[in-house]
Amino acid sequence: MAQFFHHNEFGYCARCPRTRHLHLCFGNVALAATTAEFQEFREVVSSSWQHHCLRTQDPEARCIALRTPAPRLALVFTLIELTQLRDIVENTALLLEVEELLQK
């Protein structure tokens, strides 16, 4: 059974018990990542959110692009969506940190 970390109305993050990959499902986007890849994605989401949170005039305008490793492919979000994605990613990261501390 998958281990769920965090969810909101836009999506969730869970860990596969077999592969140990984190599965982030958000709207029409699904990501399966190792913990290290997830942390890299967390940095991208957080830095993009920090950059846009005070600059975006219309929080419902789909104008925020997150680059991907694939050339010429980006994920495009509204500020509202990016905030909800950040919520899932940051809360999952905090729970991963707690899990790591408890295992020591």
N, C-alpha and C. Protein backbone atom coordinates (compact mmCIF):
# COMPACT_ATOMS: atom_id res chain seq x y z
N MET A 1 0.84 -1.18 0.00
CA MET A 1 0.00 0.00 0.00
C MET A 1 0.89 1.24 0.00
N ALA A 2 0.53 2.21 -0.81
CA ALA A 2 1.30 3.44 -0.92
C ALA A 2 1.25 4.22 0.40
N GLN A 3 2.32 4.92 0.68
CA GLN A 3 2.40 5.77 1.86
C GLN A 3 2.10 7.20 1.42
N PHE A 4 0.94 7.73 1.82
CA PHE A 4 0.57 9.08 1.44
C PHE A 4 1.22 10.09 2.37
N PHE A 5 1.73 11.18 1.78
CA PHE A 5 2.38 12.22 2.55
C PHE A 5 1.49 13.44 2.72
N HIS A 6 1.00 13.97 1.63
CA HIS A 6 0.19 15.18 1.73
C HIS A 6 -0.75 15.26 0.52
N HIS A 7 -1.89 15.91 0.72
CA HIS A 7 -2.84 16.12 -0.38
C HIS A 7 -3.58 17.42 -0.16
N ASN A 8 -4.12 17.95 -1.22
CA ASN A 8 -5.04 19.07 -1.17
C ASN A 8 -6.01 18.90 -2.32
N GLU A 9 -6.83 19.90 -2.58
CA GLU A 9 -7.85 19.76 -3.61
C GLU A 9 -7.28 19.61 -5.01
N PHE A 10 -5.99 19.93 -5.20
CA PHE A 10 -5.38 19.87 -6.52
C PHE A 10 -4.62 18.56 -6.77
N GLY A 11 -4.20 17.85 -5.72
CA GLY A 11 -3.44 16.63 -5.95
C GLY A 11 -2.89 16.03 -4.66
N TYR A 12 -1.89 15.16 -4.82
CA TYR A 12 -1.31 14.46 -3.67
C TYR A 12 0.11 14.01 -3.97
N CYS A 13 0.80 13.58 -2.91
CA CYS A 13 2.11 12.95 -3.05
C CYS A 13 2.13 11.70 -2.18
N ALA A 14 2.58 10.60 -2.77
CA ALA A 14 2.65 9.32 -2.07
C ALA A 14 3.92 8.59 -2.49
N ARG A 15 4.34 7.62 -1.67
CA ARG A 15 5.52 6.82 -2.00
C ARG A 15 5.11 5.40 -2.33
N CYS A 16 5.64 4.89 -3.42
CA CYS A 16 5.40 3.50 -3.83
C CYS A 16 6.21 2.58 -2.91
N PRO A 17 5.60 1.58 -2.30
CA PRO A 17 6.34 0.70 -1.40
C PRO A 17 7.36 -0.18 -2.13
N ARG A 18 7.13 -0.46 -3.39
CA ARG A 18 8.04 -1.33 -4.15
C ARG A 18 9.26 -0.56 -4.65
N THR A 19 9.05 0.56 -5.34
CA THR A 19 10.16 1.30 -5.94
C THR A 19 10.73 2.37 -5.03
N ARG A 20 9.95 2.78 -4.02
CA ARG A 20 10.31 3.86 -3.10
C ARG A 20 10.30 5.22 -3.80
N HIS A 21 9.79 5.28 -5.04
CA HIS A 21 9.66 6.55 -5.74
C HIS A 21 8.51 7.35 -5.14
N LEU A 22 8.67 8.66 -5.15
CA LEU A 22 7.60 9.55 -4.74
C LEU A 22 6.75 9.84 -5.97
N HIS A 23 5.45 9.69 -5.82
CA HIS A 23 4.52 9.94 -6.92
C HIS A 23 3.75 11.21 -6.59
N LEU A 24 4.01 12.25 -7.35
CA LEU A 24 3.33 13.52 -7.20
C LEU A 24 2.31 13.61 -8.32
N CYS A 25 1.04 13.65 -7.97
CA CYS A 25 -0.03 13.77 -8.95
C CYS A 25 -0.74 15.09 -8.69
N PHE A 26 -0.76 15.93 -9.72
CA PHE A 26 -1.26 17.29 -9.56
C PHE A 26 -1.99 17.69 -10.84
N GLY A 27 -3.31 17.78 -10.76
CA GLY A 27 -4.08 18.11 -11.96
C GLY A 27 -3.82 17.07 -13.04
N ASN A 28 -3.34 17.52 -14.18
CA ASN A 28 -3.04 16.63 -15.30
C ASN A 28 -1.58 16.20 -15.34
N VAL A 29 -0.82 16.51 -14.31
CA VAL A 29 0.61 16.22 -14.27
C VAL A 29 0.88 15.11 -13.26
N ALA A 30 1.71 14.15 -13.64
CA ALA A 30 2.13 13.09 -12.72
C ALA A 30 3.64 12.97 -12.81
N LEU A 31 4.28 12.87 -11.66
CA LEU A 31 5.74 12.78 -11.59
C LEU A 31 6.10 11.63 -10.67
N ALA A 32 6.97 10.75 -11.13
CA ALA A 32 7.54 9.70 -10.28
C ALA A 32 9.01 10.04 -10.14
N ALA A 33 9.46 10.22 -8.91
CA ALA A 33 10.82 10.71 -8.69
C ALA A 33 11.48 10.03 -7.51
N THR A 34 12.80 9.91 -7.59
CA THR A 34 13.55 9.48 -6.42
C THR A 34 13.51 10.63 -5.41
N THR A 35 13.96 10.38 -4.21
CA THR A 35 13.97 11.44 -3.21
C THR A 35 14.85 12.60 -3.67
N ALA A 36 16.00 12.30 -4.26
CA ALA A 36 16.90 13.36 -4.74
C ALA A 36 16.24 14.16 -5.86
N GLU A 37 15.60 13.49 -6.79
CA GLU A 37 14.91 14.18 -7.89
C GLU A 37 13.76 15.03 -7.34
N PHE A 38 13.06 14.51 -6.33
CA PHE A 38 11.98 15.26 -5.72
C PHE A 38 12.51 16.55 -5.08
N GLN A 39 13.66 16.45 -4.41
CA GLN A 39 14.25 17.64 -3.78
C GLN A 39 14.64 18.68 -4.84
N GLU A 40 15.14 18.23 -5.97
CA GLU A 40 15.45 19.16 -7.07
C GLU A 40 14.19 19.84 -7.57
N PHE A 41 13.11 19.07 -7.73
CA PHE A 41 11.84 19.63 -8.17
C PHE A 41 11.32 20.61 -7.13
N ARG A 42 11.49 20.29 -5.87
CA ARG A 42 11.08 21.19 -4.78
C ARG A 42 11.76 22.54 -4.92
N GLU A 43 13.05 22.54 -5.21
CA GLU A 43 13.79 23.79 -5.36
C GLU A 43 13.25 24.61 -6.54
N VAL A 44 12.94 23.95 -7.63
CA VAL A 44 12.41 24.64 -8.81
C VAL A 44 11.05 25.26 -8.49
N VAL A 45 10.18 24.50 -7.85
CA VAL A 45 8.85 24.99 -7.51
C VAL A 45 8.95 26.16 -6.52
N SER A 46 9.76 26.01 -5.49
CA SER A 46 9.87 27.06 -4.48
C SER A 46 10.46 28.35 -5.03
N SER A 47 11.51 28.23 -5.83
CA SER A 47 12.12 29.44 -6.38
C SER A 47 11.18 30.12 -7.37
N SER A 48 10.45 29.34 -8.15
CA SER A 48 9.49 29.93 -9.08
C SER A 48 8.36 30.62 -8.32
N TRP A 49 7.87 29.97 -7.27
CA TRP A 49 6.80 30.57 -6.47
C TRP A 49 7.27 31.87 -5.83
N GLN A 50 8.48 31.86 -5.26
CA GLN A 50 9.01 33.08 -4.64
C GLN A 50 9.14 34.21 -5.66
N HIS A 51 9.57 33.86 -6.86
CA HIS A 51 9.74 34.85 -7.91
C HIS A 51 8.40 35.46 -8.34
N HIS A 52 7.37 34.64 -8.44
CA HIS A 52 6.10 35.09 -9.00
C HIS A 52 5.07 35.54 -7.98
N CYS A 53 5.21 35.18 -6.72
CA CYS A 53 4.13 35.43 -5.76
C CYS A 53 3.81 36.92 -5.60
N LEU A 54 4.79 37.79 -5.70
CA LEU A 54 4.53 39.22 -5.56
C LEU A 54 4.46 39.95 -6.90
N ARG A 55 4.81 39.28 -7.98
CA ARG A 55 4.86 39.92 -9.29
C ARG A 55 3.65 39.66 -10.17
N THR A 56 2.95 38.58 -9.91
CA THR A 56 1.83 38.19 -10.77
C THR A 56 0.61 39.05 -10.46
N GLN A 57 0.14 39.75 -11.47
CA GLN A 57 -1.01 40.65 -11.30
C GLN A 57 -2.33 39.88 -11.18
N ASP A 58 -2.50 38.87 -11.99
CA ASP A 58 -3.74 38.09 -12.01
C ASP A 58 -3.43 36.66 -11.57
N PRO A 59 -3.84 36.27 -10.35
CA PRO A 59 -3.50 34.93 -9.86
C PRO A 59 -4.15 33.80 -10.64
N GLU A 60 -5.11 34.12 -11.52
CA GLU A 60 -5.77 33.09 -12.32
C GLU A 60 -5.25 33.03 -13.75
N ALA A 61 -4.27 33.87 -14.07
CA ALA A 61 -3.69 33.84 -15.41
C ALA A 61 -2.68 32.70 -15.50
N ARG A 62 -2.84 31.89 -16.52
CA ARG A 62 -1.92 30.76 -16.70
C ARG A 62 -0.68 31.28 -17.41
N CYS A 63 0.27 31.80 -16.61
CA CYS A 63 1.43 32.49 -17.18
C CYS A 63 2.75 32.12 -16.52
N ILE A 64 2.76 31.14 -15.63
CA ILE A 64 3.98 30.75 -14.93
C ILE A 64 4.45 29.41 -15.48
N ALA A 65 5.64 29.42 -16.07
CA ALA A 65 6.19 28.22 -16.69
C ALA A 65 7.29 27.62 -15.84
N LEU A 66 7.18 26.34 -15.56
CA LEU A 66 8.26 25.60 -14.90
C LEU A 66 8.98 24.79 -15.97
N ARG A 67 10.25 25.01 -16.09
CA ARG A 67 11.04 24.27 -17.07
C ARG A 67 11.17 22.81 -16.64
N THR A 68 11.33 21.95 -17.62
CA THR A 68 11.54 20.52 -17.37
C THR A 68 12.86 20.13 -18.01
N PRO A 69 13.37 18.94 -17.68
CA PRO A 69 14.61 18.49 -18.32
C PRO A 69 14.47 18.29 -19.83
N ALA A 70 13.25 18.12 -20.30
CA ALA A 70 13.03 17.93 -21.74
C ALA A 70 13.16 19.28 -22.46
N PRO A 71 13.93 19.33 -23.52
CA PRO A 71 14.04 20.59 -24.25
C PRO A 71 12.69 21.01 -24.82
N ARG A 72 12.41 22.28 -24.74
CA ARG A 72 11.20 22.87 -25.30
C ARG A 72 9.90 22.36 -24.65
N LEU A 73 9.99 21.91 -23.40
CA LEU A 73 8.79 21.48 -22.68
C LEU A 73 8.77 22.16 -21.31
N ALA A 74 7.67 22.82 -21.02
CA ALA A 74 7.49 23.46 -19.71
C ALA A 74 6.09 23.14 -19.21
N LEU A 75 5.93 23.17 -17.90
CA LEU A 75 4.62 23.02 -17.28
C LEU A 75 4.13 24.42 -16.96
N VAL A 76 2.89 24.74 -17.32
CA VAL A 76 2.38 26.10 -17.17
C VAL A 76 1.26 26.10 -16.12
N PHE A 77 1.38 27.05 -15.19
CA PHE A 77 0.45 27.13 -14.06
C PHE A 77 -0.04 28.55 -13.84
N THR A 78 -1.15 28.65 -13.14
CA THR A 78 -1.57 29.93 -12.57
C THR A 78 -0.85 30.07 -11.24
N LEU A 79 -0.89 31.26 -10.66
CA LEU A 79 -0.28 31.44 -9.34
C LEU A 79 -1.03 30.61 -8.29
N ILE A 80 -2.33 30.51 -8.44
CA ILE A 80 -3.12 29.69 -7.51
C ILE A 80 -2.68 28.23 -7.58
N GLU A 81 -2.53 27.71 -8.80
CA GLU A 81 -2.09 26.32 -8.97
C GLU A 81 -0.68 26.12 -8.44
N LEU A 82 0.21 27.06 -8.75
CA LEU A 82 1.59 26.94 -8.28
C LEU A 82 1.65 26.97 -6.76
N THR A 83 0.81 27.76 -6.14
CA THR A 83 0.76 27.81 -4.67
C THR A 83 0.30 26.48 -4.10
N GLN A 84 -0.69 25.87 -4.73
CA GLN A 84 -1.17 24.56 -4.28
C GLN A 84 -0.12 23.47 -4.51
N LEU A 85 0.58 23.55 -5.64
CA LEU A 85 1.67 22.60 -5.90
C LEU A 85 2.76 22.76 -4.85
N ARG A 86 3.12 24.00 -4.56
CA ARG A 86 4.13 24.27 -3.53
C ARG A 86 3.70 23.71 -2.18
N ASP A 87 2.43 23.83 -1.85
CA ASP A 87 1.90 23.28 -0.61
C ASP A 87 2.15 21.78 -0.51
N ILE A 88 1.84 21.06 -1.56
CA ILE A 88 2.06 19.60 -1.56
C ILE A 88 3.55 19.29 -1.45
N VAL A 89 4.35 19.96 -2.25
CA VAL A 89 5.79 19.67 -2.30
C VAL A 89 6.46 20.01 -0.96
N GLU A 90 6.18 21.17 -0.41
CA GLU A 90 6.83 21.58 0.85
C GLU A 90 6.39 20.71 2.02
N ASN A 91 5.12 20.39 2.10
CA ASN A 91 4.66 19.54 3.21
C ASN A 91 5.20 18.13 3.09
N THR A 92 5.29 17.62 1.89
CA THR A 92 5.90 16.30 1.69
C THR A 92 7.36 16.34 2.10
N ALA A 93 8.08 17.37 1.70
CA ALA A 93 9.50 17.50 2.04
C ALA A 93 9.69 17.56 3.56
N LEU A 94 8.83 18.28 4.24
CA LEU A 94 8.92 18.34 5.71
C LEU A 94 8.69 16.97 6.34
N LEU A 95 7.72 16.24 5.83
CA LEU A 95 7.46 14.90 6.37
C LEU A 95 8.60 13.94 6.07
N LEU A 96 9.24 14.09 4.92
CA LEU A 96 10.42 13.28 4.60
C LEU A 96 11.56 13.58 5.58
N GLU A 97 11.73 14.85 5.91
CA GLU A 97 12.76 15.24 6.88
C GLU A 97 12.48 14.65 8.26
N VAL A 98 11.24 14.69 8.68
CA VAL A 98 10.85 14.11 9.97
C VAL A 98 11.09 12.61 9.95
N GLU A 99 10.71 11.96 8.87
CA GLU A 99 10.93 10.52 8.73
C GLU A 99 12.42 10.18 8.85
N GLU A 100 13.25 10.97 8.19
CA GLU A 100 14.70 10.73 8.25
C GLU A 100 15.24 10.93 9.67
N LEU A 101 14.78 11.95 10.37
CA LEU A 101 15.22 12.17 11.75
C LEU A 101 14.79 11.04 12.68
N LEU A 102 13.59 10.52 12.47
CA LEU A 102 13.09 9.43 13.31
C LEU A 102 13.82 8.11 13.07
N GLN A 103 14.36 7.95 11.86
CA GLN A 103 15.07 6.73 11.53
C GLN A 103 16.49 6.71 12.13
N LYS A 104 16.98 7.86 12.53
CA LYS A 104 18.34 7.93 13.08
C LYS A 104 18.37 7.53 14.53
